[in-house]
C-alpha atoms as a PDB file:
ATOM      1  CA  UNK A   1     -61.173-116.325 -61.447  1.00  0.00           C
ATOM      2  CA  UNK A   2     -62.384-118.791 -59.754  1.00  0.00           C
ATOM      3  CA  UNK A   3     -61.154-119.936 -55.826  1.00  0.00           C
ATOM      4  CA  UNK A   4     -62.025-123.772 -56.823  1.00  0.00           C
ATOM      5  CA  UNK A   5     -59.486-126.111 -56.803  1.00  0.00           C
ATOM      6  CA  UNK A   6     -58.934-127.148 -60.625  1.00  0.00           C
ATOM      7  CA  UNK A   7     -60.012-130.576 -62.418  1.00  0.00           C
ATOM      8  CA  UNK A   8     -56.997-132.801 -62.026  1.00  0.00           C
ATOM      9  CA  UNK A   9     -55.360-130.867 -58.960  1.00  0.00           C
ATOM     10  CA  UNK A  10     -55.050-130.985 -55.135  1.00  0.00           C
ATOM     11  CA  UNK A  11     -54.919-128.928 -52.488  1.00  0.00           C
ATOM     12  CA  UNK A  12     -52.698-130.295 -49.173  1.00  0.00           C
ATOM     13  CA  UNK A  13     -52.439-128.307 -46.387  1.00  0.00           C
ATOM     14  CA  UNK A  14     -49.219-128.451 -43.877  1.00  0.00           C
ATOM     15  CA  UNK A  15     -48.878-126.156 -40.783  1.00  0.00           C
ATOM     16  CA  UNK A  16     -48.491-122.836 -42.730  1.00  0.00           C
ATOM     17  CA  UNK A  17     -47.638-124.188 -45.889  1.00  0.00           C
ATOM     18  CA  UNK A  18     -50.353-124.539 -48.793  1.00  0.00           C
ATOM     19  CA  UNK A  19     -49.506-126.832 -51.775  1.00  0.00           C
ATOM     20  CA  UNK A  20     -51.902-126.833 -54.750  1.00  0.00           C
ATOM     21  CA  UNK A  21     -50.458-129.307 -57.492  1.00  0.00           C
ATOM     22  CA  UNK A  22     -50.714-131.941 -59.725  1.00  0.00           C
ATOM     23  CA  UNK A  23     -52.377-135.252 -58.353  1.00  0.00           C
ATOM     24  CA  UNK A  24     -50.053-138.010 -58.169  1.00  0.00           C
ATOM     25  CA  UNK A  25     -46.837-135.415 -58.017  1.00  0.00           C
ATOM     26  CA  UNK A  26     -45.483-136.407 -54.569  1.00  0.00           C
ATOM     27  CA  UNK A  27     -41.903-135.724 -56.563  1.00  0.00           C
ATOM     28  CA  UNK A  28     -42.919-132.197 -57.087  1.00  0.00           C
ATOM     29  CA  UNK A  29     -44.658-131.845 -53.043  1.00  0.00           C
ATOM     30  CA  UNK A  30     -41.378-132.658 -51.996  1.00  0.00           C
ATOM     31  CA  UNK A  31     -39.619-130.264 -54.184  1.00  0.00           C
ATOM     32  CA  UNK A  32     -41.975-127.258 -52.717  1.00  0.00           C
ATOM     33  CA  UNK A  33     -41.646-128.286 -49.504  1.00  0.00           C
ATOM     34  CA  UNK A  34     -37.844-127.740 -49.986  1.00  0.00           C
ATOM     35  CA  UNK A  35     -38.423-124.394 -51.053  1.00  0.00           C
ATOM     36  CA  UNK A  36     -40.317-123.095 -48.499  1.00  0.00           C
ATOM     37  CA  UNK A  37     -37.329-124.677 -46.399  1.00  0.00           C
ATOM     38  CA  UNK A  38     -34.671-123.114 -47.900  1.00  0.00           C
ATOM     39  CA  UNK A  39     -32.926-126.269 -48.715  1.00  0.00           C
ATOM     40  CA  UNK A  40     -33.307-125.955 -52.274  1.00  0.00           C
ATOM     41  CA  UNK A  41     -30.603-128.184 -54.460  1.00  0.00           C
ATOM     42  CA  UNK A  42     -29.351-126.114 -57.168  1.00  0.00           C
ATOM     43  CA  UNK A  43     -31.169-125.347 -60.053  1.00  0.00           C
ATOM     44  CA  UNK A  44     -29.942-125.780 -63.749  1.00  0.00           C
ATOM     45  CA  UNK A  45     -30.286-122.460 -64.958  1.00  0.00           C
ATOM     46  CA  UNK A  46     -32.896-121.635 -67.480  1.00  0.00           C
ATOM     47  CA  UNK A  47     -31.561-120.015 -70.774  1.00  0.00           C
ATOM     48  CA  UNK A  48     -33.064-116.315 -70.846  1.00  0.00           C
ATOM     49  CA  UNK A  49     -35.242-117.229 -67.363  1.00  0.00           C
ATOM     50  CA  UNK A  50     -36.096-114.173 -64.637  1.00  0.00           C
ATOM     51  CA  UNK A  51     -36.829-113.520 -61.650  1.00  0.00           C
ATOM     52  CA  UNK A  52     -34.662-116.450 -59.969  1.00  0.00           C
ATOM     53  CA  UNK A  53     -36.448-119.143 -61.793  1.00  0.00           C
ATOM     54  CA  UNK A  54     -34.577-122.372 -62.670  1.00  0.00           C
ATOM     55  CA  UNK A  55     -34.776-125.713 -63.624  1.00  0.00           C
ATOM     56  CA  UNK A  56     -35.579-129.335 -61.485  1.00  0.00           C
ATOM     57  CA  UNK A  57     -35.729-132.408 -62.639  1.00  0.00           C
ATOM     58  CA  UNK A  58     -38.123-134.063 -60.571  1.00  0.00           C
ATOM     59  CA  UNK A  59     -38.699-137.282 -61.644  1.00  0.00           C
ATOM     60  CA  UNK A  60     -37.837-138.689 -65.117  1.00  0.00           C
ATOM     61  CA  UNK A  61     -40.858-137.583 -66.963  1.00  0.00           C
ATOM     62  CA  UNK A  62     -41.112-134.401 -65.546  1.00  0.00           C
ATOM     63  CA  UNK A  63     -38.927-131.560 -65.675  1.00  0.00           C
ATOM     64  CA  UNK A  64     -40.282-127.985 -63.743  1.00  0.00           C
ATOM     65  CA  UNK A  65     -39.199-124.344 -64.168  1.00  0.00           C
ATOM     66  CA  UNK A  66     -39.607-123.101 -60.269  1.00  0.00           C
ATOM     67  CA  UNK A  67     -39.964-119.911 -59.974  1.00  0.00           C
ATOM     68  CA  UNK A  68     -40.212-117.876 -56.643  1.00  0.00           C
ATOM     69  CA  UNK A  69     -42.668-114.726 -56.580  1.00  0.00           C
ATOM     70  CA  UNK A  70     -40.594-111.628 -56.094  1.00  0.00           C
ATOM     71  CA  UNK A  71     -41.057-108.152 -56.115  1.00  0.00           C
ATOM     72  CA  UNK A  72     -39.979-105.471 -58.059  1.00  0.00           C
ATOM     73  CA  UNK A  73     -39.585-101.876 -58.321  1.00  0.00           C
ATOM     74  CA  UNK A  74     -39.968 -99.365 -55.423  1.00  0.00           C
ATOM     75  CA  UNK A  75     -41.779-102.447 -53.634  1.00  0.00           C
ATOM     76  CA  UNK A  76     -38.796-104.299 -53.775  1.00  0.00           C
ATOM     77  CA  UNK A  77     -37.006-101.825 -51.292  1.00  0.00           C
ATOM     78  CA  UNK A  78     -39.296-102.869 -48.800  1.00  0.00           C
ATOM     79  CA  UNK A  79     -39.575-106.875 -48.853  1.00  0.00           C
ATOM     80  CA  UNK A  80     -38.327-108.834 -52.102  1.00  0.00           C
ATOM     81  CA  UNK A  81     -40.220-112.275 -51.395  1.00  0.00           C
ATOM     82  CA  UNK A  82     -43.134-111.399 -49.510  1.00  0.00           C
ATOM     83  CA  UNK A  83     -46.336-110.288 -50.303  1.00  0.00           C
ATOM     84  CA  UNK A  84     -49.747-109.279 -48.432  1.00  0.00           C
ATOM     85  CA  UNK A  85     -53.006-110.405 -49.304  1.00  0.00           C
ATOM     86  CA  UNK A  86     -55.635-113.209 -48.244  1.00  0.00           C
ATOM     87  CA  UNK A  87     -55.935-114.216 -51.779  1.00  0.00           C
ATOM     88  CA  UNK A  88     -52.245-115.435 -52.524  1.00  0.00           C
ATOM     89  CA  UNK A  89     -51.132-114.951 -56.151  1.00  0.00           C
ATOM     90  CA  UNK A  90     -49.596-118.140 -56.697  1.00  0.00           C
ATOM     91  CA  UNK A  91     -52.565-120.037 -56.942  1.00  0.00           C
ATOM     92  CA  UNK A  92     -54.595-117.360 -58.877  1.00  0.00           C
ATOM     93  CA  UNK A  93     -51.566-117.567 -61.554  1.00  0.00           C
ATOM     94  CA  UNK A  94     -52.414-122.102 -61.641  1.00  0.00           C
ATOM     95  CA  UNK A  95     -56.127-121.348 -61.935  1.00  0.00           C
ATOM     96  CA  UNK A  96     -55.625-118.684 -64.404  1.00  0.00           C
ATOM     97  CA  UNK A  97     -53.231-121.351 -66.393  1.00  0.00           C
ATOM     98  CA  UNK A  98     -55.848-123.913 -66.056  1.00  0.00           C
ATOM     99  CA  UNK A  99     -58.303-122.018 -67.255  1.00  0.00           C
ATOM    100  CA  UNK A 100     -56.291-120.482 -70.325  1.00  0.00           C
ATOM    101  CA  UNK A 101     -54.816-123.898 -71.396  1.00  0.00           C
ATOM    102  CA  UNK A 102     -58.356-125.211 -71.267  1.00  0.00           C
ATOM    103  CA  UNK A 103     -59.427-122.304 -73.564  1.00  0.00           C
ATOM    104  CA  UNK A 104     -56.693-123.373 -76.251  1.00  0.00           C
ATOM    105  CA  UNK A 105     -54.097-120.385 -75.412  1.00  0.00           C
ATOM    106  CA  UNK A 106     -50.589-121.968 -75.821  1.00  0.00           C
ATOM    107  CA  UNK A 107     -48.703-121.386 -72.224  1.00  0.00           C
ATOM    108  CA  UNK A 108     -46.808-123.731 -70.316  1.00  0.00           C
ATOM    109  CA  UNK A 109     -49.048-125.696 -67.745  1.00  0.00           C
ATOM    110  CA  UNK A 110     -48.407-124.617 -64.399  1.00  0.00           C
ATOM    111  CA  UNK A 111     -48.395-127.926 -62.330  1.00  0.00           C
ATOM    112  CA  UNK A 112     -47.710-126.978 -58.784  1.00  0.00           C
ATOM    113  CA  UNK A 113     -47.713-123.535 -56.412  1.00  0.00           C
ATOM    114  CA  UNK A 114     -46.782-123.059 -52.709  1.00  0.00           C
ATOM    115  CA  UNK A 115     -47.876-120.726 -50.391  1.00  0.00           C
ATOM    116  CA  UNK A 116     -45.946-120.371 -46.810  1.00  0.00           C
ATOM    117  CA  UNK A 117     -47.616-118.016 -44.818  1.00  0.00           C
ATOM    118  CA  UNK A 118     -45.744-116.153 -41.908  1.00  0.00           C
ATOM    119  CA  UNK A 119     -48.509-114.825 -40.281  1.00  0.00           C
ATOM    120  CA  UNK A 120     -52.449-114.343 -41.742  1.00  0.00           C
ATOM    121  CA  UNK A 121     -52.136-112.222 -44.283  1.00  0.00           C
ATOM    122  CA  UNK A 122     -48.347-112.312 -45.105  1.00  0.00           C
ATOM    123  CA  UNK A 123     -46.717-115.025 -47.684  1.00  0.00           C
ATOM    124  CA  UNK A 124     -44.266-115.910 -49.623  1.00  0.00           C
ATOM    125  CA  UNK A 125     -44.923-118.259 -52.994  1.00  0.00           C
ATOM    126  CA  UNK A 126     -43.654-119.752 -55.708  1.00  0.00           C
ATOM    127  CA  UNK A 127     -44.811-121.687 -59.098  1.00  0.00           C
ATOM    128  CA  UNK A 128     -44.017-124.628 -60.678  1.00  0.00           C
ATOM    129  CA  UNK A 129     -44.490-125.101 -64.712  1.00  0.00           C
ATOM    130  CA  UNK A 130     -43.741-127.702 -66.873  1.00  0.00           C
ATOM    131  CA  UNK A 131     -40.362-127.090 -68.580  1.00  0.00           C
ATOM    132  CA  UNK A 132     -41.192-125.952 -72.390  1.00  0.00           C
ATOM    133  CA  UNK A 133     -37.864-128.219 -73.846  1.00  0.00           C
ATOM    134  CA  UNK A 134     -35.698-125.835 -76.087  1.00  0.00           C
ATOM    135  CA  UNK A 135     -37.821-122.310 -75.304  1.00  0.00           C
ATOM    136  CA  UNK A 136     -36.262-119.221 -74.702  1.00  0.00           C
ATOM    137  CA  UNK A 137     -37.835-115.927 -73.666  1.00  0.00           C
ATOM    138  CA  UNK A 138     -38.703-113.816 -76.596  1.00  0.00           C
ATOM    139  CA  UNK A 139     -35.910-110.895 -76.140  1.00  0.00           C
ATOM    140  CA  UNK A 140     -33.223-113.418 -75.655  1.00  0.00           C
ATOM    141  CA  UNK A 141     -34.192-115.112 -79.132  1.00  0.00           C
ATOM    142  CA  UNK A 142     -34.413-111.897 -80.672  1.00  0.00           C
ATOM    143  CA  UNK A 143     -31.080-110.761 -79.385  1.00  0.00           C
ATOM    144  CA  UNK A 144     -29.092-113.610 -81.519  1.00  0.00           C
ATOM    145  CA  UNK A 145     -31.892-114.452 -84.291  1.00  0.00           C
ATOM    146  CA  UNK A 146     -30.963-113.414 -87.798  1.00  0.00           C
ATOM    147  CA  UNK A 147     -32.956-110.359 -88.598  1.00  0.00           C
ATOM    148  CA  UNK A 148     -35.223-111.895 -90.946  1.00  0.00           C
ATOM    149  CA  UNK A 149     -36.266-114.360 -88.261  1.00  0.00           C
ATOM    150  CA  UNK A 150     -37.316-111.972 -85.772  1.00  0.00           C
ATOM    151  CA  UNK A 151     -40.016-110.487 -87.301  1.00  0.00           C
ATOM    152  CA  UNK A 152     -41.565-113.988 -87.418  1.00  0.00           C
ATOM    153  CA  UNK A 153     -41.184-114.600 -83.850  1.00  0.00           C
ATOM    154  CA  UNK A 154     -42.721-111.317 -82.760  1.00  0.00           C
ATOM    155  CA  UNK A 155     -45.744-112.585 -84.994  1.00  0.00           C
ATOM    156  CA  UNK A 156     -45.964-116.011 -83.455  1.00  0.00           C
ATOM    157  CA  UNK A 157     -46.041-113.601 -80.145  1.00  0.00           C
ATOM    158  CA  UNK A 158     -48.356-111.864 -81.545  1.00  0.00           C
ATOM    159  CA  UNK A 159     -51.064-114.425 -82.394  1.00  0.00           C
ATOM    160  CA  UNK A 160     -50.608-115.579 -78.892  1.00  0.00           C
ATOM    161  CA  UNK A 161     -51.804-112.718 -77.922  1.00  0.00           C
ATOM    162  CA  UNK A 162     -54.914-112.514 -79.861  1.00  0.00           C
ATOM    163  CA  UNK A 163     -55.732-115.858 -79.030  1.00  0.00           C
ATOM    164  CA  UNK A 164     -55.920-114.947 -75.145  1.00  0.00           C
ATOM    165  CA  UNK A 165     -57.789-111.721 -76.117  1.00  0.00           C
ATOM    166  CA  UNK A 166     -60.360-113.950 -77.936  1.00  0.00           C
ATOM    167  CA  UNK A 167     -60.368-116.202 -74.539  1.00  0.00           C
ATOM    168  CA  UNK A 168     -61.975-113.131 -72.745  1.00  0.00           C
ATOM    169  CA  UNK A 169     -58.391-112.670 -70.650  1.00  0.00           C
ATOM    170  CA  UNK A 170     -56.370-109.410 -70.385  1.00  0.00           C
ATOM    171  CA  UNK A 171     -52.606-110.072 -69.298  1.00  0.00           C
ATOM    172  CA  UNK A 172     -51.371-106.884 -67.108  1.00  0.00           C
ATOM    173  CA  UNK A 173     -47.958-106.815 -67.990  1.00  0.00           C
ATOM    174  CA  UNK A 174     -46.816-107.985 -71.805  1.00  0.00           C
ATOM    175  CA  UNK A 175     -43.303-107.802 -72.547  1.00  0.00           C
ATOM    176  CA  UNK A 176     -41.249-109.349 -74.587  1.00  0.00           C
ATOM    177  CA  UNK A 177     -39.872-111.539 -71.917  1.00  0.00           C
ATOM    178  CA  UNK A 178     -43.222-112.870 -71.111  1.00  0.00           C
ATOM    179  CA  UNK A 179     -43.529-114.622 -74.142  1.00  0.00           C
ATOM    180  CA  UNK A 180     -41.555-117.902 -74.880  1.00  0.00           C
ATOM    181  CA  UNK A 181     -39.821-119.250 -78.428  1.00  0.00           C
ATOM    182  CA  UNK A 182     -39.687-122.628 -79.556  1.00  0.00           C
ATOM    183  CA  UNK A 183     -38.293-123.556 -82.911  1.00  0.00           C
ATOM    184  CA  UNK A 184     -39.979-126.722 -84.300  1.00  0.00           C
ATOM    185  CA  UNK A 185     -40.427-128.065 -87.740  1.00  0.00           C
ATOM    186  CA  UNK A 186     -43.569-126.263 -88.552  1.00  0.00           C
ATOM    187  CA  UNK A 187     -41.515-122.915 -87.761  1.00  0.00           C
ATOM    188  CA  UNK A 188     -41.379-120.955 -84.845  1.00  0.00           C
ATOM    189  CA  UNK A 189     -43.946-121.277 -82.050  1.00  0.00           C
ATOM    190  CA  UNK A 190     -44.982-118.920 -79.255  1.00  0.00           C
ATOM    191  CA  UNK A 191     -46.168-119.429 -75.921  1.00  0.00           C
ATOM    192  CA  UNK A 192     -47.462-116.779 -73.162  1.00  0.00           C
ATOM    193  CA  UNK A 193     -46.238-116.754 -69.458  1.00  0.00           C
ATOM    194  CA  UNK A 194     -46.504-115.177 -66.426  1.00  0.00           C
ATOM    195  CA  UNK A 195     -49.799-115.108 -65.969  1.00  0.00           C
ATOM    196  CA  UNK A 196     -50.079-113.590 -62.279  1.00  0.00           C
ATOM    197  CA  UNK A 197     -52.465-110.502 -62.394  1.00  0.00           C
ATOM    198  CA  UNK A 198     -53.971-112.102 -65.728  1.00  0.00           C
ATOM    199  CA  UNK A 199     -57.864-111.296 -65.249  1.00  0.00           C
ATOM    200  CA  UNK A 200     -61.142-112.070 -67.295  1.00  0.00           C
ATOM    201  CA  UNK A 201     -62.904-108.879 -68.845  1.00  0.00           C
ATOM    202  CA  UNK A 202     -64.914-107.635 -71.835  1.00  0.00           C
ATOM    203  CA  UNK A 203     -62.095-107.297 -74.856  1.00  0.00           C
ATOM    204  CA  UNK A 204     -62.716-103.816 -76.483  1.00  0.00           C
ATOM    205  CA  UNK A 205     -60.585-102.099 -78.875  1.00  0.00           C
ATOM    206  CA  UNK A 206     -59.497 -99.914 -76.060  1.00  0.00           C
ATOM    207  CA  UNK A 207     -57.885-103.294 -74.655  1.00  0.00           C
ATOM    208  CA  UNK A 208     -56.019-104.300 -77.798  1.00  0.00           C
ATOM    209  CA  UNK A 209     -55.034-100.720 -78.278  1.00  0.00           C
ATOM    210  CA  UNK A 210     -53.691-100.647 -74.558  1.00  0.00           C
ATOM    211  CA  UNK A 211     -52.243-104.313 -74.864  1.00  0.00           C
ATOM    212  CA  UNK A 212     -50.096-102.729 -78.014  1.00  0.00           C
ATOM    213  CA  UNK A 213     -48.674-100.305 -76.213  1.00  0.00           C
ATOM    214  CA  UNK A 214     -47.221-102.129 -73.968  1.00  0.00           C
ATOM    215  CA  UNK A 215     -45.325-104.285 -76.062  1.00  0.00           C
ATOM    216  CA  UNK A 216     -44.173-100.845 -77.559  1.00  0.00           C
ATOM    217  CA  UNK A 217     -43.249 -99.261 -74.095  1.00  0.00           C
ATOM    218  CA  UNK A 218     -40.955-103.234 -73.530  1.00  0.00           C
ATOM    219  CA  UNK A 219     -39.382-102.832 -77.102  1.00  0.00           C
ATOM    220  CA  UNK A 220     -38.167 -98.845 -76.109  1.00  0.00           C
ATOM    221  CA  UNK A 221     -36.750-100.035 -72.618  1.00  0.00           C
ATOM    222  CA  UNK A 222     -35.087-103.036 -73.569  1.00  0.00           C
ATOM    223  CA  UNK A 223     -34.074-101.852 -77.330  1.00  0.00           C
ATOM    224  CA  UNK A 224     -33.697 -98.080 -77.254  1.00  0.00           C
ATOM    225  CA  UNK A 225     -31.143 -97.746 -79.834  1.00  0.00           C
ATOM    226  CA  UNK A 226     -33.382 -99.897 -81.888  1.00  0.00           C
ATOM    227  CA  UNK A 227     -30.362-102.136 -81.983  1.00  0.00           C
ATOM    228  CA  UNK A 228     -32.372-105.491 -82.182  1.00  0.00           C
ATOM    229  CA  UNK A 229     -36.215-104.686 -82.890  1.00  0.00           C
ATOM    230  CA  UNK A 230     -36.851-104.541 -86.796  1.00  0.00           C
ATOM    231  CA  UNK A 231     -39.901-102.492 -88.109  1.00  0.00           C
ATOM    232  CA  UNK A 232     -41.287-105.683 -89.124  1.00  0.00           C
ATOM    233  CA  UNK A 233     -41.215-106.569 -85.335  1.00  0.00           C
ATOM    234  CA  UNK A 234     -43.138-103.615 -84.921  1.00  0.00           C
ATOM    235  CA  UNK A 235     -45.453-104.021 -87.498  1.00  0.00           C
ATOM    236  CA  UNK A 236     -46.088-108.006 -86.662  1.00  0.00           C
ATOM    237  CA  UNK A 237     -47.068-106.626 -83.537  1.00  0.00           C
ATOM    238  CA  UNK A 238     -49.706-104.846 -84.761  1.00  0.00           C
ATOM    239  CA  UNK A 239     -51.968-107.173 -84.908  1.00  0.00           C
ATOM    240  CA  UNK A 240     -52.595-107.654 -81.127  1.00  0.00           C
ATOM    241  CA  UNK A 241     -54.173-104.076 -81.640  1.00  0.00           C
ATOM    242  CA  UNK A 242     -56.735-105.298 -84.538  1.00  0.00           C
ATOM    243  CA  UNK A 243     -59.769-105.988 -83.598  1.00  0.00           C
ATOM    244  CA  UNK A 244     -61.193-107.898 -86.979  1.00  0.00           C
END
């Protein structure tokens, strides 16, 4: 991903803090400063949210979901919130969001990102995305949806993944919790989220098969007894590996 500041954004440098955010959003800048200082106000719980994400109404026309970067797996035992590297991952995620939205891929707009450097090469980070009203992640949706609706939701998620691939982008962590589902008068719509690590590359049949395999691993992990995921869901996701 390019390292330049995307059109419509500005980069603010404030001591060890770096803010990359939509132009003309001082209220968002104030919220991200409070995140950096550890003085965030109470957040509204995000239904089906992950990773400590919470919603904040920063002004009447802008509600954001703020997600601090937090490690998982074995790395979390050493440091839960600190990352190493000179290229800050929150900024890369914001640039990926801007690029994919410009290519027509349904994904929430990342309106701001913050990086607080402890020392060169060691930082904490967070991203703020425009909240999508009524959206919940796919896994949460499937658990409460009628059996007949589940296949349609998975088909919508599969279609978004195809659009991602058609834009020449590869998502490293395709799983049921990285899709948002929204009900609309037109039916069920899906968006793809958590763009950390998304990269541009050549999309091959092998790429598509690997993406489908990652989704299947997520299904087995979240629903090992197949109590929620129907055969129609799995068949709907096969569109991800279809190269036609």
